[in-house]
Amino acid sequence: MAQKNNRRLNKKILERLIIIHNLIKSGTYPNVQKIQSYYCEKTGYEQVGVATIYRDISTLQVEFNAPIAYDPYKKGYYYTDSHWDLALNTISQDDIFYLSAVKILLSDFNNSPFYSEISRVINFVTETKLSPENTILSRIATPPAPGVVIDKELLQNIVTALEHNHIVEFDYIGRWDSPGDAPKSRRVRPYQLVLKDGMYFLFGWDETAWNDEDEKPAGGERLFFLPNMSRLRLTEDSFELPPDYDFTQKCSGSKLGVFISSQVDRYEIEFYGSARPYIKSFVWVENQEITDCEEKDVTRISFTSSQYLPLLEWILSQGKNAKPLSPQWFVDRWKEEIRGMVQNLGENA
């Protein structure tokens, strides 16, 4: 939907365009005076200027390619193609409902420029098409979620870097850094912003990443949590986006969270009690296999995954109702976490 001649379409203009379009499409050959009176009748406004109507007709012709012509004999406007329709007119109430629901589902990100822009576009369409009496959207809600503190300027600079494929440099404190560690300088080719539960991550190629087998930075794909980034700088250096840049293709079929690793293992986990129906309600990994043993009150799931850390957190979140069986190194890691929790109990154990 182009915005030529600096005439930005808004709800009121869109409302007039739809009314004018419907009147012309009715085949009654309305002239400007007829359009004026019909518009006031439909909206309750006392008047609308002749120049405004002419501008709206021009907008339909130029911005929407409407085949409008004037018949000098019938002294009114008509469509040279009777099958032409205004695109917004073809949006159903169901479409509007689902479009509005998207805005609600994105509310976790309501402090971001993305939400503002998406809301503006959705509102532009829905406020004109959705009846004010329609309250069905109040029957959809998302639960309150913790808000993530985001530096909006930093986020906007990342978006700019994504748009132009520019390398960014910033200081970063990683998840595994010790308290008091100084931030490390990073130089990253930004591939994607990854969004989850109101959190923002930058996925890209870190030119400064070290490989354990090398004695110098070899580079590698990394994820960065935006609140842990500071002093971000846009460079003039550009890069070519690789064809396999998509983060979702790096998860080896797992759907467990924002985490990547080159190590893929086969996992086997048992779930008990109230966790059993919960586990069977989702597709956690594309190649998952689930088996039940009702006599033992056990549900077993097996799959391959490279997302060991979200998997560990997932199992721990089920408490006594989950136990990993393999691989052994993962079982040992789980036991280590359990021992740490018991140790935290101290004398209260």
Protein backbone atom coordinates (compact mmCIF):
# COMPACT_ATOMS: atom_id res chain seq x y z
CA MET A 1 0.00 0.00 0.00
CA ALA A 2 2.02 2.94 -1.27
CA GLN A 3 1.93 6.34 0.33
CA LYS A 4 2.50 8.78 -2.47
CA ASN A 5 2.33 12.54 -2.37
CA ASN A 6 3.05 12.34 1.36
CA ARG A 7 -0.62 11.58 2.03
CA ARG A 8 -0.41 9.04 4.83
CA LEU A 9 -3.46 6.81 4.98
CA ASN A 10 -5.15 6.75 8.36
CA LYS A 11 -8.34 5.28 9.76
CA LYS A 12 -10.55 8.20 8.73
CA ILE A 13 -9.22 8.34 5.17
CA LEU A 14 -9.53 4.57 4.86
CA GLU A 15 -13.11 4.77 6.07
CA ARG A 16 -13.94 7.30 3.34
CA LEU A 17 -12.20 5.24 0.66
CA ILE A 18 -14.24 2.16 1.55
CA ILE A 19 -17.50 4.12 1.55
CA ILE A 20 -16.70 5.79 -1.79
CA HIS A 21 -15.61 2.48 -3.31
CA ASN A 22 -18.79 0.70 -2.23
CA LEU A 23 -20.97 3.49 -3.59
CA ILE A 24 -19.23 3.53 -6.98
CA LYS A 25 -19.32 -0.28 -7.14
CA SER A 26 -23.09 -0.21 -6.56
CA GLY A 27 -23.47 0.93 -10.19
CA THR A 28 -25.49 4.06 -9.40
CA TYR A 29 -22.99 6.42 -11.10
CA PRO A 30 -22.63 8.78 -8.13
CA ASN A 31 -21.23 12.27 -8.64
CA VAL A 32 -19.24 14.19 -6.05
CA GLN A 33 -22.35 15.73 -4.47
CA LYS A 34 -23.98 12.30 -4.15
CA ILE A 35 -20.79 10.92 -2.60
CA GLN A 36 -20.72 13.82 -0.12
CA SER A 37 -24.27 13.26 1.05
CA TYR A 38 -23.89 9.46 1.17
CA TYR A 39 -20.71 9.72 3.24
CA CYS A 40 -22.36 12.05 5.76
CA GLU A 41 -25.39 9.76 5.93
CA LYS A 42 -23.20 6.71 6.64
CA THR A 43 -20.91 8.36 9.18
CA GLY A 44 -23.05 11.00 10.86
CA TYR A 45 -20.63 13.78 9.96
CA GLU A 46 -22.20 17.10 9.04
CA GLN A 47 -20.06 17.73 5.98
CA VAL A 48 -17.07 16.68 3.91
CA GLY A 49 -15.34 18.95 1.42
CA VAL A 50 -15.53 18.60 -2.35
CA ALA A 51 -11.73 18.77 -2.59
CA THR A 52 -11.49 15.91 -0.07
CA ILE A 53 -13.73 13.70 -2.22
CA TYR A 54 -11.68 14.45 -5.33
CA ARG A 55 -8.48 13.60 -3.43
CA ASP A 56 -10.00 10.34 -2.22
CA ILE A 57 -11.02 9.33 -5.74
CA SER A 58 -7.50 10.13 -6.92
CA THR A 59 -6.09 8.06 -4.05
CA LEU A 60 -8.19 5.08 -5.10
CA GLN A 61 -6.95 5.44 -8.67
CA VAL A 62 -3.27 6.02 -7.88
CA GLU A 63 -2.63 4.09 -4.68
CA PHE A 64 -5.01 1.17 -5.23
CA ASN A 65 -5.09 1.08 -9.07
CA ALA A 66 -8.87 1.40 -9.00
CA PRO A 67 -10.26 1.51 -12.60
CA ILE A 68 -12.50 4.53 -11.93
CA ALA A 69 -13.85 6.58 -14.83
CA TYR A 70 -16.37 9.40 -15.18
CA ASP A 71 -19.39 8.93 -17.46
CA PRO A 72 -20.26 12.35 -18.96
CA TYR A 73 -23.70 11.15 -20.03
CA LYS A 74 -24.77 9.69 -16.68
CA LYS A 75 -22.71 12.37 -14.90
CA GLY A 76 -21.19 10.06 -12.35
CA TYR A 77 -18.34 7.70 -11.56
CA TYR A 78 -18.19 3.99 -12.38
CA TYR A 79 -15.72 1.11 -12.56
CA THR A 80 -14.55 0.14 -16.03
CA ASP A 81 -13.96 -3.34 -14.59
CA SER A 82 -17.06 -4.41 -12.69
CA HIS A 83 -15.17 -7.28 -11.02
CA TRP A 84 -12.56 -5.04 -9.39
CA ASP A 85 -12.75 -4.80 -5.61
CA LEU A 86 -10.86 -2.91 -2.93
CA ALA A 87 -8.48 -5.40 -1.32
CA LEU A 88 -9.46 -4.37 2.20
CA ASN A 89 -13.09 -5.01 1.30
CA THR A 90 -12.35 -8.70 0.84
CA ILE A 91 -11.10 -9.15 4.42
CA SER A 92 -13.70 -11.10 6.37
CA GLN A 93 -14.65 -10.61 10.00
CA ASP A 94 -12.91 -13.91 10.75
CA ASP A 95 -9.74 -12.56 9.13
CA ILE A 96 -9.98 -9.42 11.24
CA PHE A 97 -10.48 -11.51 14.37
CA TYR A 98 -7.36 -13.59 13.75
CA LEU A 99 -5.34 -10.53 12.76
CA SER A 100 -6.31 -8.81 15.99
CA ALA A 101 -5.54 -11.97 17.95
CA VAL A 102 -1.98 -11.83 16.60
CA LYS A 103 -1.55 -8.47 18.31
CA ILE A 104 -2.64 -9.99 21.62
CA LEU A 105 -0.29 -12.95 21.22
CA LEU A 106 2.60 -10.57 20.59
CA SER A 107 1.90 -8.55 23.72
CA ASP A 108 4.97 -10.08 25.43
CA PHE A 109 6.97 -7.73 23.22
CA ASN A 110 4.90 -4.59 23.78
CA ASN A 111 7.93 -2.51 24.73
CA SER A 112 9.66 -3.13 21.42
CA PRO A 113 9.58 -1.12 18.20
CA PHE A 114 8.36 -4.29 16.46
CA TYR A 115 5.21 -4.34 18.53
CA SER A 116 4.58 -0.66 17.88
CA GLU A 117 4.92 -1.07 14.12
CA ILE A 118 2.93 -4.30 13.98
CA SER A 119 0.20 -2.74 16.12
CA ARG A 120 0.05 0.31 13.86
CA VAL A 121 -0.48 -1.86 10.78
CA ILE A 122 -3.02 -4.13 12.47
CA ASN A 123 -4.92 -1.19 13.94
CA PHE A 124 -4.93 0.50 10.54
CA VAL A 125 -6.86 -2.44 9.10
CA THR A 126 -8.92 -3.70 12.02
CA GLU A 127 -10.24 -0.46 13.49
CA THR A 128 -12.01 0.29 10.25
CA LYS A 129 -13.33 -3.20 9.62
CA LEU A 130 -14.16 -4.46 13.13
CA SER A 131 -17.42 -3.32 14.64
CA PRO A 132 -17.03 -1.33 17.89
CA GLU A 133 -19.69 -3.59 19.41
CA ASN A 134 -17.59 -6.69 18.75
CA THR A 135 -16.14 -7.76 22.10
CA ILE A 136 -14.89 -11.23 21.13
CA LEU A 137 -11.25 -10.11 21.36
CA SER A 138 -11.72 -9.56 25.09
CA ARG A 139 -12.16 -13.33 25.30
CA ILE A 140 -8.53 -13.92 24.28
CA ALA A 141 -5.71 -13.21 26.70
CA THR A 142 -2.08 -13.98 27.39
CA PRO A 143 -0.93 -14.48 30.98
CA PRO A 144 1.16 -11.75 32.60
CA ALA A 145 4.84 -12.36 31.87
CA PRO A 146 8.03 -10.87 33.30
CA GLY A 147 9.15 -7.88 31.30
CA VAL A 148 12.66 -7.90 29.87
CA VAL A 149 14.55 -4.62 30.19
CA ILE A 150 15.71 -3.69 26.70
CA ASP A 151 17.87 -0.82 25.54
CA LYS A 152 15.68 0.42 22.70
CA GLU A 153 18.52 2.24 20.97
CA LEU A 154 20.62 -0.93 21.04
CA LEU A 155 17.70 -2.92 19.64
CA GLN A 156 17.11 -0.40 16.88
CA ASN A 157 20.79 -0.46 15.93
CA ILE A 158 20.64 -4.24 15.66
CA VAL A 159 17.60 -3.97 13.40
CA THR A 160 19.51 -1.51 11.22
CA ALA A 161 22.45 -3.91 11.06
CA LEU A 162 20.10 -6.74 10.05
CA GLU A 163 18.53 -4.61 7.33
CA HIS A 164 21.89 -3.70 5.76
CA ASN A 165 23.98 -6.77 6.69
CA HIS A 166 26.47 -4.69 8.64
CA ILE A 167 28.83 -6.15 11.22
CA VAL A 168 28.32 -4.98 14.81
CA GLU A 169 30.78 -4.70 17.67
CA PHE A 170 29.79 -4.74 21.34
CA ASP A 171 30.82 -5.73 24.85
CA TYR A 172 29.23 -8.85 26.28
CA ILE A 173 28.93 -10.67 29.60
CA GLY A 174 28.09 -14.31 28.94
CA ARG A 175 25.97 -16.69 30.96
CA TRP A 176 29.02 -18.67 32.05
CA ASP A 177 31.16 -15.68 33.00
CA SER A 178 32.00 -15.39 36.69
CA PRO A 179 30.68 -12.48 38.79
CA GLY A 180 33.02 -9.55 38.45
CA ASP A 181 34.41 -10.64 35.08
CA ALA A 182 34.96 -7.78 32.66
CA PRO A 183 32.80 -7.74 29.51
CA LYS A 184 34.45 -9.25 26.44
CA SER A 185 34.58 -7.46 23.09
CA ARG A 186 32.65 -9.16 20.32
CA ARG A 187 32.52 -8.64 16.58
CA VAL A 188 29.47 -10.29 15.07
CA ARG A 189 27.81 -10.72 11.70
CA PRO A 190 24.13 -10.52 12.72
CA TYR A 191 21.93 -13.17 11.13
CA GLN A 192 18.63 -13.02 13.04
CA LEU A 193 16.82 -11.71 16.08
CA VAL A 194 15.41 -14.68 17.99
CA LEU A 195 12.37 -13.95 20.17
CA LYS A 196 11.11 -16.14 23.00
CA ASP A 197 8.81 -15.38 25.94
CA GLY A 198 9.48 -11.65 25.72
CA MET A 199 13.25 -12.19 25.50
CA TYR A 200 15.50 -11.05 22.67
CA PHE A 201 18.55 -12.89 21.39
CA LEU A 202 20.92 -12.03 18.56
CA PHE A 203 22.01 -15.00 16.47
CA GLY A 204 25.00 -14.59 14.20
CA TRP A 205 28.59 -15.40 13.35
CA ASP A 206 30.98 -14.27 16.07
CA GLU A 207 34.33 -13.49 14.46
CA THR A 208 35.93 -13.40 17.92
CA ALA A 209 34.67 -16.82 19.08
CA TRP A 210 37.29 -19.30 20.27
CA ASN A 211 37.25 -22.98 19.47
CA ASP A 212 38.63 -25.21 22.23
CA GLU A 213 40.95 -26.91 19.76
CA ASP A 214 42.45 -23.67 18.44
CA GLU A 215 44.84 -21.23 19.99
CA LYS A 216 43.25 -18.24 18.30
CA PRO A 217 39.72 -17.08 17.44
CA ALA A 218 38.30 -19.30 14.72
CA GLY A 219 34.82 -17.80 14.64
CA GLY A 220 31.52 -19.57 15.09
CA GLU A 221 27.76 -19.22 15.33
CA ARG A 222 26.67 -17.84 18.69
CA LEU A 223 23.61 -16.52 20.52
CA PHE A 224 23.68 -13.31 22.55
CA PHE A 225 21.09 -12.20 25.10
CA LEU A 226 20.42 -8.53 24.38
CA PRO A 227 20.29 -7.29 28.02
CA ASN A 228 23.86 -8.61 28.44
CA MET A 229 25.13 -6.50 25.54
CA SER A 230 26.51 -2.97 25.91
CA ARG A 231 28.37 -0.30 23.95
CA LEU A 232 27.08 -1.65 20.64
CA ARG A 233 28.54 0.00 17.57
CA LEU A 234 27.42 -0.27 13.96
CA THR A 235 30.40 -0.69 11.66
CA GLU A 236 30.62 0.18 7.98
CA ASP A 237 31.78 -3.37 7.24
CA SER A 238 29.21 -5.50 5.45
CA PHE A 239 28.93 -9.25 4.99
CA GLU A 240 27.11 -11.67 2.73
CA LEU A 241 24.27 -13.51 4.45
CA PRO A 242 24.83 -17.27 4.06
CA PRO A 243 21.95 -19.38 2.70
CA ASP A 244 21.84 -21.50 5.88
CA TYR A 245 21.55 -18.59 8.34
CA ASP A 246 18.17 -19.58 9.86
CA PHE A 247 18.43 -20.35 13.59
CA THR A 248 15.48 -22.76 13.51
CA GLN A 249 17.45 -25.04 11.19
CA LYS A 250 20.28 -25.31 13.74
CA CYS A 251 18.25 -27.05 16.45
CA SER A 252 18.38 -30.60 15.03
CA GLY A 253 14.60 -30.84 15.15
CA SER A 254 14.34 -29.82 18.81
CA LYS A 255 11.78 -27.28 19.98
CA LEU A 256 13.13 -26.83 23.49
CA GLY A 257 14.35 -23.25 23.51
CA VAL A 258 16.97 -20.76 22.40
CA PHE A 259 20.13 -22.85 22.38
CA ILE A 260 22.45 -24.35 19.78
CA SER A 261 25.29 -26.85 19.95
CA SER A 262 27.16 -28.94 17.42
CA GLN A 263 26.85 -32.01 19.67
CA VAL A 264 23.82 -34.18 18.90
CA ASP A 265 22.95 -37.01 21.32
CA ARG A 266 20.14 -39.48 21.75
CA TYR A 267 18.23 -38.90 24.98
CA GLU A 268 15.93 -41.17 26.91
CA ILE A 269 13.83 -39.81 29.77
CA GLU A 270 11.18 -41.25 32.06
CA PHE A 271 8.24 -39.26 33.39
CA TYR A 272 5.94 -40.18 36.24
CA GLY A 273 2.65 -39.14 37.80
CA SER A 274 1.16 -35.80 36.74
CA ALA A 275 3.98 -35.16 34.24
CA ARG A 276 2.85 -38.03 32.01
CA PRO A 277 -0.20 -36.42 30.34
CA TYR A 278 1.67 -33.13 30.09
CA ILE A 279 4.58 -34.69 28.20
CA LYS A 280 2.23 -36.44 25.77
CA SER A 281 0.45 -33.19 24.93
CA PHE A 282 3.32 -31.66 22.93
CA VAL A 283 5.72 -32.36 20.10
CA TRP A 284 9.00 -31.55 21.83
CA VAL A 285 11.30 -32.91 19.15
CA GLU A 286 10.46 -33.92 15.59
CA ASN A 287 11.74 -37.50 15.95
CA GLN A 288 10.40 -38.15 19.46
CA GLU A 289 9.13 -41.62 20.36
CA ILE A 290 6.79 -41.98 23.34
CA THR A 291 5.91 -45.26 25.06
CA ASP A 292 3.66 -45.89 28.06
CA CYS A 293 3.88 -48.49 30.80
CA GLU A 294 0.64 -48.15 32.74
CA GLU A 295 1.55 -50.87 35.24
CA LYS A 296 4.57 -48.85 36.39
CA ASP A 297 2.96 -45.42 35.92
CA VAL A 298 5.77 -44.48 33.53
CA THR A 299 5.92 -42.63 30.22
CA ARG A 300 9.22 -42.85 28.38
CA ILE A 301 10.33 -40.48 25.63
CA SER A 302 13.39 -40.80 23.40
CA PHE A 303 14.77 -38.48 20.72
CA THR A 304 17.93 -36.87 19.39
CA SER A 305 18.77 -33.28 20.23
CA SER A 306 21.58 -30.75 20.38
CA GLN A 307 19.78 -28.58 22.96
CA TYR A 308 21.10 -30.18 26.12
CA LEU A 309 20.84 -27.13 28.38
CA PRO A 310 17.14 -26.32 27.79
CA LEU A 311 16.52 -30.06 28.06
CA LEU A 312 18.20 -30.19 31.47
CA GLU A 313 16.16 -27.21 32.68
CA TRP A 314 13.00 -28.83 31.31
CA ILE A 315 13.63 -32.07 33.19
CA LEU A 316 14.48 -30.24 36.42
CA SER A 317 11.24 -28.25 36.12
CA GLN A 318 9.31 -31.52 36.45
CA GLY A 319 10.92 -32.24 39.84
CA LYS A 320 10.53 -35.79 41.11
CA ASN A 321 8.34 -36.68 38.12
CA ALA A 322 11.23 -36.84 35.63
CA LYS A 323 14.47 -38.79 35.38
CA PRO A 324 16.97 -38.97 32.49
CA LEU A 325 18.24 -42.43 31.54
CA SER A 326 20.78 -41.58 28.83
CA PRO A 327 23.29 -40.44 27.68
CA GLN A 328 25.37 -41.05 30.79
CA TRP A 329 27.17 -37.70 30.74
CA PHE A 330 23.77 -35.99 30.77
CA VAL A 331 22.55 -38.17 33.65
CA ASP A 332 25.68 -37.22 35.59
CA ARG A 333 25.03 -33.53 34.91
CA TRP A 334 21.45 -33.90 36.15
CA LYS A 335 22.67 -35.63 39.33
CA GLU A 336 25.15 -32.80 39.89
CA GLU A 337 22.31 -30.28 39.79
CA ILE A 338 20.26 -32.38 42.21
CA ARG A 339 23.19 -32.60 44.65
CA GLY A 340 23.62 -28.84 44.42
CA MET A 341 19.97 -28.30 45.33
CA VAL A 342 20.24 -30.69 48.26
CA GLN A 343 23.38 -28.89 49.42
CA ASN A 344 21.50 -25.60 49.31
CA LEU A 345 18.99 -27.05 51.76
CA GLY A 346 21.76 -27.39 54.35
CA GLU A 347 20.43 -28.29 57.77
CA ASN A 348 16.86 -27.95 56.49
CA ALA A 349 17.21 -31.10 54.36
